Protein backbone atom coordinates (compact mmCIF):
# COMPACT_ATOMS: atom_id res chain seq x y z
CA UNK A 1 0.00 0.00 0.00
CA UNK A 2 1.20 3.49 -0.81
CA UNK A 3 0.38 6.56 1.23
CA UNK A 4 0.92 10.26 0.62
CA UNK A 5 1.40 12.63 3.52
CA UNK A 6 1.17 16.36 2.95
CA UNK A 7 2.54 19.17 5.04
CA UNK A 8 3.14 22.89 4.89
CA UNK A 9 -0.32 24.41 4.76
CA UNK A 10 -1.45 27.20 7.02
CA UNK A 11 -2.43 30.83 7.26
CA UNK A 12 -0.45 33.40 5.30
CA UNK A 13 -0.97 37.06 4.53
CA UNK A 14 -1.59 38.24 0.97
CA UNK A 15 1.69 38.52 -0.88
CA UNK A 16 3.29 35.89 1.29
CA UNK A 17 4.74 32.49 0.47
CA UNK A 18 4.23 28.91 1.52
CA UNK A 19 5.86 25.65 0.58
CA UNK A 20 3.80 22.48 0.48
CA UNK A 21 5.41 19.06 0.63
CA UNK A 22 4.11 15.61 -0.18
CA UNK A 23 5.93 12.45 0.87
CA UNK A 24 5.13 9.02 -0.51
CA UNK A 25 5.71 5.89 1.52
CA UNK A 26 5.21 2.21 0.85
CA UNK A 27 6.50 -0.31 -1.63
CA UNK A 28 7.26 2.09 -4.44
CA UNK A 29 9.14 1.01 -7.51
CA UNK A 30 9.02 4.34 -9.30
CA UNK A 31 7.11 7.62 -9.34
CA UNK A 32 5.52 8.65 -12.59
CA UNK A 33 3.43 11.76 -13.09
CA UNK A 34 2.66 13.88 -10.06
CA UNK A 35 0.55 16.91 -9.42
CA UNK A 36 -1.01 19.35 -7.03
CA UNK A 37 -4.72 20.07 -7.06
CA UNK A 38 -6.83 22.41 -5.00
CA UNK A 39 -10.43 22.79 -4.04
CA UNK A 40 -11.84 26.06 -2.81
CA UNK A 41 -15.12 26.20 -0.88
CA UNK A 42 -18.04 25.70 -3.21
CA UNK A 43 -15.85 24.98 -6.19
CA UNK A 44 -14.66 21.90 -8.03
CA UNK A 45 -11.20 20.49 -7.56
CA UNK A 46 -8.80 21.94 -10.10
CA UNK A 47 -5.32 21.13 -11.29
CA UNK A 48 -2.71 23.58 -10.05
CA UNK A 49 0.58 22.14 -11.23
CA UNK A 50 1.70 18.94 -12.87
CA UNK A 51 5.04 17.26 -13.49
CA UNK A 52 5.54 14.25 -15.73
CA UNK A 53 7.81 11.32 -15.08
CA UNK A 54 10.28 12.93 -17.45
CA UNK A 55 10.27 16.20 -15.55
CA UNK A 56 8.09 18.36 -17.81
CA UNK A 57 5.90 20.77 -15.91
CA UNK A 58 2.56 22.39 -16.54
CA UNK A 59 0.73 25.03 -14.53
CA UNK A 60 -2.73 26.46 -14.33
CA UNK A 61 -2.80 29.93 -15.87
CA UNK A 62 -3.81 31.39 -12.52
CA UNK A 63 -0.56 30.31 -10.85
CA UNK A 64 1.99 30.61 -13.65
CA UNK A 65 4.99 32.61 -12.57
CA UNK A 66 4.03 32.32 -8.90
CA UNK A 67 4.06 28.58 -8.13
CA UNK A 68 6.81 26.06 -8.77
CA UNK A 69 6.44 22.29 -8.61
CA UNK A 70 9.46 20.11 -7.92
CA UNK A 71 10.27 16.54 -7.04
CA UNK A 72 12.98 14.51 -5.38
CA UNK A 73 12.49 11.01 -6.68
CA UNK A 74 15.29 9.64 -4.54
CA UNK A 75 13.27 10.66 -1.49
CA UNK A 76 9.84 10.06 -3.07
CA UNK A 77 8.79 13.61 -2.34
CA UNK A 78 7.16 16.45 -4.20
CA UNK A 79 6.89 20.11 -3.31
CA UNK A 80 4.95 23.16 -4.35
CA UNK A 81 6.55 26.54 -3.73
CA UNK A 82 3.85 29.19 -3.70
CA UNK A 83 4.78 32.87 -3.89
CA UNK A 84 2.76 36.08 -4.13
CA UNK A 85 -0.25 34.38 -2.63
CA UNK A 86 -3.63 36.02 -2.83
CA UNK A 87 -7.03 35.34 -1.28
CA UNK A 88 -8.00 33.51 -4.47
CA UNK A 89 -5.41 30.86 -3.61
CA UNK A 90 -7.28 29.88 -0.46
CA UNK A 91 -8.21 26.22 -0.79
CA UNK A 92 -7.48 22.71 0.36
CA UNK A 93 -4.47 21.50 -1.61
CA UNK A 94 -4.11 17.84 -2.53
CA UNK A 95 -1.11 16.03 -3.90
CA UNK A 96 -1.54 13.24 -6.39
CA UNK A 97 0.91 10.68 -7.69
CA UNK A 98 0.91 7.89 -10.21
CA UNK A 99 3.05 5.30 -8.49
CA UNK A 100 4.56 2.23 -10.10
CA UNK A 101 4.47 -0.78 -7.81
CA UNK A 102 5.17 -4.43 -8.35
CA UNK A 103 2.62 -5.69 -10.82
CA UNK A 104 1.14 -2.37 -11.87
CA UNK A 105 0.53 1.22 -10.89
CA UNK A 106 -1.64 3.17 -8.48
CA UNK A 107 -3.27 6.56 -8.46
CA UNK A 108 -2.77 7.90 -4.96
CA UNK A 109 -4.07 11.05 -3.26
CA UNK A 110 -2.93 12.89 -0.19
CA UNK A 111 -5.32 13.83 2.59
CA UNK A 112 -5.24 17.51 1.75
CA UNK A 113 -3.75 20.50 3.50
CA UNK A 114 -5.54 23.80 4.01
CA UNK A 115 -4.01 27.01 2.73
CA UNK A 116 -5.68 30.21 3.89
CA UNK A 117 -4.57 33.55 2.50
CA UNK A 118 -5.96 36.36 4.59
CA UNK A 119 -4.91 39.50 6.38
C-alpha atoms as a PDB file:
ATOM      1  CA  UNK A   1       0.000   0.000   0.000  1.00  0.00           C
ATOM      2  CA  UNK A   2       1.195   3.492  -0.809  1.00  0.00           C
ATOM      3  CA  UNK A   3       0.375   6.565   1.226  1.00  0.00           C
ATOM      4  CA  UNK A   4       0.920  10.259   0.624  1.00  0.00           C
ATOM      5  CA  UNK A   5       1.397  12.630   3.520  1.00  0.00           C
ATOM      6  CA  UNK A   6       1.169  16.364   2.950  1.00  0.00           C
ATOM      7  CA  UNK A   7       2.542  19.172   5.040  1.00  0.00           C
ATOM      8  CA  UNK A   8       3.144  22.894   4.889  1.00  0.00           C
ATOM      9  CA  UNK A   9      -0.315  24.410   4.762  1.00  0.00           C
ATOM     10  CA  UNK A  10      -1.449  27.197   7.018  1.00  0.00           C
ATOM     11  CA  UNK A  11      -2.431  30.826   7.259  1.00  0.00           C
ATOM     12  CA  UNK A  12      -0.453  33.399   5.301  1.00  0.00           C
ATOM     13  CA  UNK A  13      -0.970  37.062   4.533  1.00  0.00           C
ATOM     14  CA  UNK A  14      -1.587  38.243   0.970  1.00  0.00           C
ATOM     15  CA  UNK A  15       1.686  38.519  -0.881  1.00  0.00           C
ATOM     16  CA  UNK A  16       3.295  35.894   1.288  1.00  0.00           C
ATOM     17  CA  UNK A  17       4.745  32.491   0.474  1.00  0.00           C
ATOM     18  CA  UNK A  18       4.228  28.910   1.518  1.00  0.00           C
ATOM     19  CA  UNK A  19       5.859  25.647   0.579  1.00  0.00           C
ATOM     20  CA  UNK A  20       3.803  22.476   0.484  1.00  0.00           C
ATOM     21  CA  UNK A  21       5.405  19.058   0.630  1.00  0.00           C
ATOM     22  CA  UNK A  22       4.114  15.606  -0.185  1.00  0.00           C
ATOM     23  CA  UNK A  23       5.931  12.446   0.868  1.00  0.00           C
ATOM     24  CA  UNK A  24       5.126   9.020  -0.512  1.00  0.00           C
ATOM     25  CA  UNK A  25       5.708   5.885   1.519  1.00  0.00           C
ATOM     26  CA  UNK A  26       5.213   2.212   0.846  1.00  0.00           C
ATOM     27  CA  UNK A  27       6.496  -0.312  -1.628  1.00  0.00           C
ATOM     28  CA  UNK A  28       7.256   2.085  -4.441  1.00  0.00           C
ATOM     29  CA  UNK A  29       9.144   1.012  -7.513  1.00  0.00           C
ATOM     30  CA  UNK A  30       9.025   4.339  -9.298  1.00  0.00           C
ATOM     31  CA  UNK A  31       7.110   7.624  -9.339  1.00  0.00           C
ATOM     32  CA  UNK A  32       5.517   8.654 -12.589  1.00  0.00           C
ATOM     33  CA  UNK A  33       3.430  11.764 -13.090  1.00  0.00           C
ATOM     34  CA  UNK A  34       2.663  13.883 -10.056  1.00  0.00           C
ATOM     35  CA  UNK A  35       0.552  16.906  -9.425  1.00  0.00           C
ATOM     36  CA  UNK A  36      -1.013  19.347  -7.033  1.00  0.00           C
ATOM     37  CA  UNK A  37      -4.719  20.069  -7.060  1.00  0.00           C
ATOM     38  CA  UNK A  38      -6.826  22.414  -4.998  1.00  0.00           C
ATOM     39  CA  UNK A  39     -10.435  22.788  -4.038  1.00  0.00           C
ATOM     40  CA  UNK A  40     -11.835  26.056  -2.813  1.00  0.00           C
ATOM     41  CA  UNK A  41     -15.116  26.204  -0.880  1.00  0.00           C
ATOM     42  CA  UNK A  42     -18.043  25.699  -3.211  1.00  0.00           C
ATOM     43  CA  UNK A  43     -15.847  24.976  -6.194  1.00  0.00           C
ATOM     44  CA  UNK A  44     -14.659  21.903  -8.029  1.00  0.00           C
ATOM     45  CA  UNK A  45     -11.199  20.493  -7.560  1.00  0.00           C
ATOM     46  CA  UNK A  46      -8.803  21.942 -10.101  1.00  0.00           C
ATOM     47  CA  UNK A  47      -5.320  21.131 -11.294  1.00  0.00           C
ATOM     48  CA  UNK A  48      -2.712  23.584 -10.053  1.00  0.00           C
ATOM     49  CA  UNK A  49       0.582  22.135 -11.235  1.00  0.00           C
ATOM     50  CA  UNK A  50       1.704  18.941 -12.871  1.00  0.00           C
ATOM     51  CA  UNK A  51       5.040  17.260 -13.489  1.00  0.00           C
ATOM     52  CA  UNK A  52       5.538  14.250 -15.726  1.00  0.00           C
ATOM     53  CA  UNK A  53       7.813  11.316 -15.079  1.00  0.00           C
ATOM     54  CA  UNK A  54      10.284  12.934 -17.449  1.00  0.00           C
ATOM     55  CA  UNK A  55      10.266  16.198 -15.553  1.00  0.00           C
ATOM     56  CA  UNK A  56       8.087  18.356 -17.810  1.00  0.00           C
ATOM     57  CA  UNK A  57       5.902  20.774 -15.907  1.00  0.00           C
ATOM     58  CA  UNK A  58       2.560  22.392 -16.541  1.00  0.00           C
ATOM     59  CA  UNK A  59       0.729  25.029 -14.529  1.00  0.00           C
ATOM     60  CA  UNK A  60      -2.732  26.463 -14.334  1.00  0.00           C
ATOM     61  CA  UNK A  61      -2.805  29.934 -15.868  1.00  0.00           C
ATOM     62  CA  UNK A  62      -3.811  31.393 -12.523  1.00  0.00           C
ATOM     63  CA  UNK A  63      -0.563  30.307 -10.846  1.00  0.00           C
ATOM     64  CA  UNK A  64       1.990  30.606 -13.654  1.00  0.00           C
ATOM     65  CA  UNK A  65       4.985  32.609 -12.572  1.00  0.00           C
ATOM     66  CA  UNK A  66       4.031  32.320  -8.899  1.00  0.00           C
ATOM     67  CA  UNK A  67       4.057  28.580  -8.134  1.00  0.00           C
ATOM     68  CA  UNK A  68       6.810  26.060  -8.770  1.00  0.00           C
ATOM     69  CA  UNK A  69       6.441  22.290  -8.609  1.00  0.00           C
ATOM     70  CA  UNK A  70       9.463  20.112  -7.923  1.00  0.00           C
ATOM     71  CA  UNK A  71      10.266  16.535  -7.043  1.00  0.00           C
ATOM     72  CA  UNK A  72      12.981  14.510  -5.384  1.00  0.00           C
ATOM     73  CA  UNK A  73      12.491  11.011  -6.677  1.00  0.00           C
ATOM     74  CA  UNK A  74      15.292   9.642  -4.536  1.00  0.00           C
ATOM     75  CA  UNK A  75      13.273  10.663  -1.488  1.00  0.00           C
ATOM     76  CA  UNK A  76       9.844  10.059  -3.074  1.00  0.00           C
ATOM     77  CA  UNK A  77       8.788  13.605  -2.337  1.00  0.00           C
ATOM     78  CA  UNK A  78       7.162  16.449  -4.197  1.00  0.00           C
ATOM     79  CA  UNK A  79       6.893  20.111  -3.309  1.00  0.00           C
ATOM     80  CA  UNK A  80       4.950  23.164  -4.352  1.00  0.00           C
ATOM     81  CA  UNK A  81       6.546  26.536  -3.733  1.00  0.00           C
ATOM     82  CA  UNK A  82       3.846  29.192  -3.698  1.00  0.00           C
ATOM     83  CA  UNK A  83       4.776  32.865  -3.886  1.00  0.00           C
ATOM     84  CA  UNK A  84       2.760  36.077  -4.133  1.00  0.00           C
ATOM     85  CA  UNK A  85      -0.245  34.377  -2.628  1.00  0.00           C
ATOM     86  CA  UNK A  86      -3.630  36.018  -2.834  1.00  0.00           C
ATOM     87  CA  UNK A  87      -7.032  35.342  -1.275  1.00  0.00           C
ATOM     88  CA  UNK A  88      -8.000  33.507  -4.470  1.00  0.00           C
ATOM     89  CA  UNK A  89      -5.413  30.856  -3.611  1.00  0.00           C
ATOM     90  CA  UNK A  90      -7.285  29.883  -0.458  1.00  0.00           C
ATOM     91  CA  UNK A  91      -8.210  26.219  -0.788  1.00  0.00           C
ATOM     92  CA  UNK A  92      -7.477  22.707   0.355  1.00  0.00           C
ATOM     93  CA  UNK A  93      -4.473  21.501  -1.607  1.00  0.00           C
ATOM     94  CA  UNK A  94      -4.106  17.843  -2.532  1.00  0.00           C
ATOM     95  CA  UNK A  95      -1.108  16.035  -3.902  1.00  0.00           C
ATOM     96  CA  UNK A  96      -1.544  13.235  -6.391  1.00  0.00           C
ATOM     97  CA  UNK A  97       0.911  10.677  -7.689  1.00  0.00           C
ATOM     98  CA  UNK A  98       0.912   7.890 -10.210  1.00  0.00           C
ATOM     99  CA  UNK A  99       3.055   5.300  -8.492  1.00  0.00           C
ATOM    100  CA  UNK A 100       4.561   2.233 -10.099  1.00  0.00           C
ATOM    101  CA  UNK A 101       4.471  -0.781  -7.814  1.00  0.00           C
ATOM    102  CA  UNK A 102       5.173  -4.433  -8.351  1.00  0.00           C
ATOM    103  CA  UNK A 103       2.622  -5.690 -10.820  1.00  0.00           C
ATOM    104  CA  UNK A 104       1.141  -2.374 -11.872  1.00  0.00           C
ATOM    105  CA  UNK A 105       0.532   1.222 -10.888  1.00  0.00           C
ATOM    106  CA  UNK A 106      -1.642   3.171  -8.475  1.00  0.00           C
ATOM    107  CA  UNK A 107      -3.272   6.562  -8.458  1.00  0.00           C
ATOM    108  CA  UNK A 108      -2.767   7.903  -4.957  1.00  0.00           C
ATOM    109  CA  UNK A 109      -4.075  11.054  -3.262  1.00  0.00           C
ATOM    110  CA  UNK A 110      -2.934  12.886  -0.186  1.00  0.00           C
ATOM    111  CA  UNK A 111      -5.320  13.831   2.591  1.00  0.00           C
ATOM    112  CA  UNK A 112      -5.244  17.507   1.752  1.00  0.00           C
ATOM    113  CA  UNK A 113      -3.746  20.504   3.495  1.00  0.00           C
ATOM    114  CA  UNK A 114      -5.542  23.801   4.006  1.00  0.00           C
ATOM    115  CA  UNK A 115      -4.014  27.013   2.730  1.00  0.00           C
ATOM    116  CA  UNK A 116      -5.678  30.210   3.892  1.00  0.00           C
ATOM    117  CA  UNK A 117      -4.575  33.553   2.498  1.00  0.00           C
ATOM    118  CA  UNK A 118      -5.960  36.361   4.587  1.00  0.00           C
ATOM    119  CA  UNK A 119      -4.913  39.497   6.378  1.00  0.00           C
END
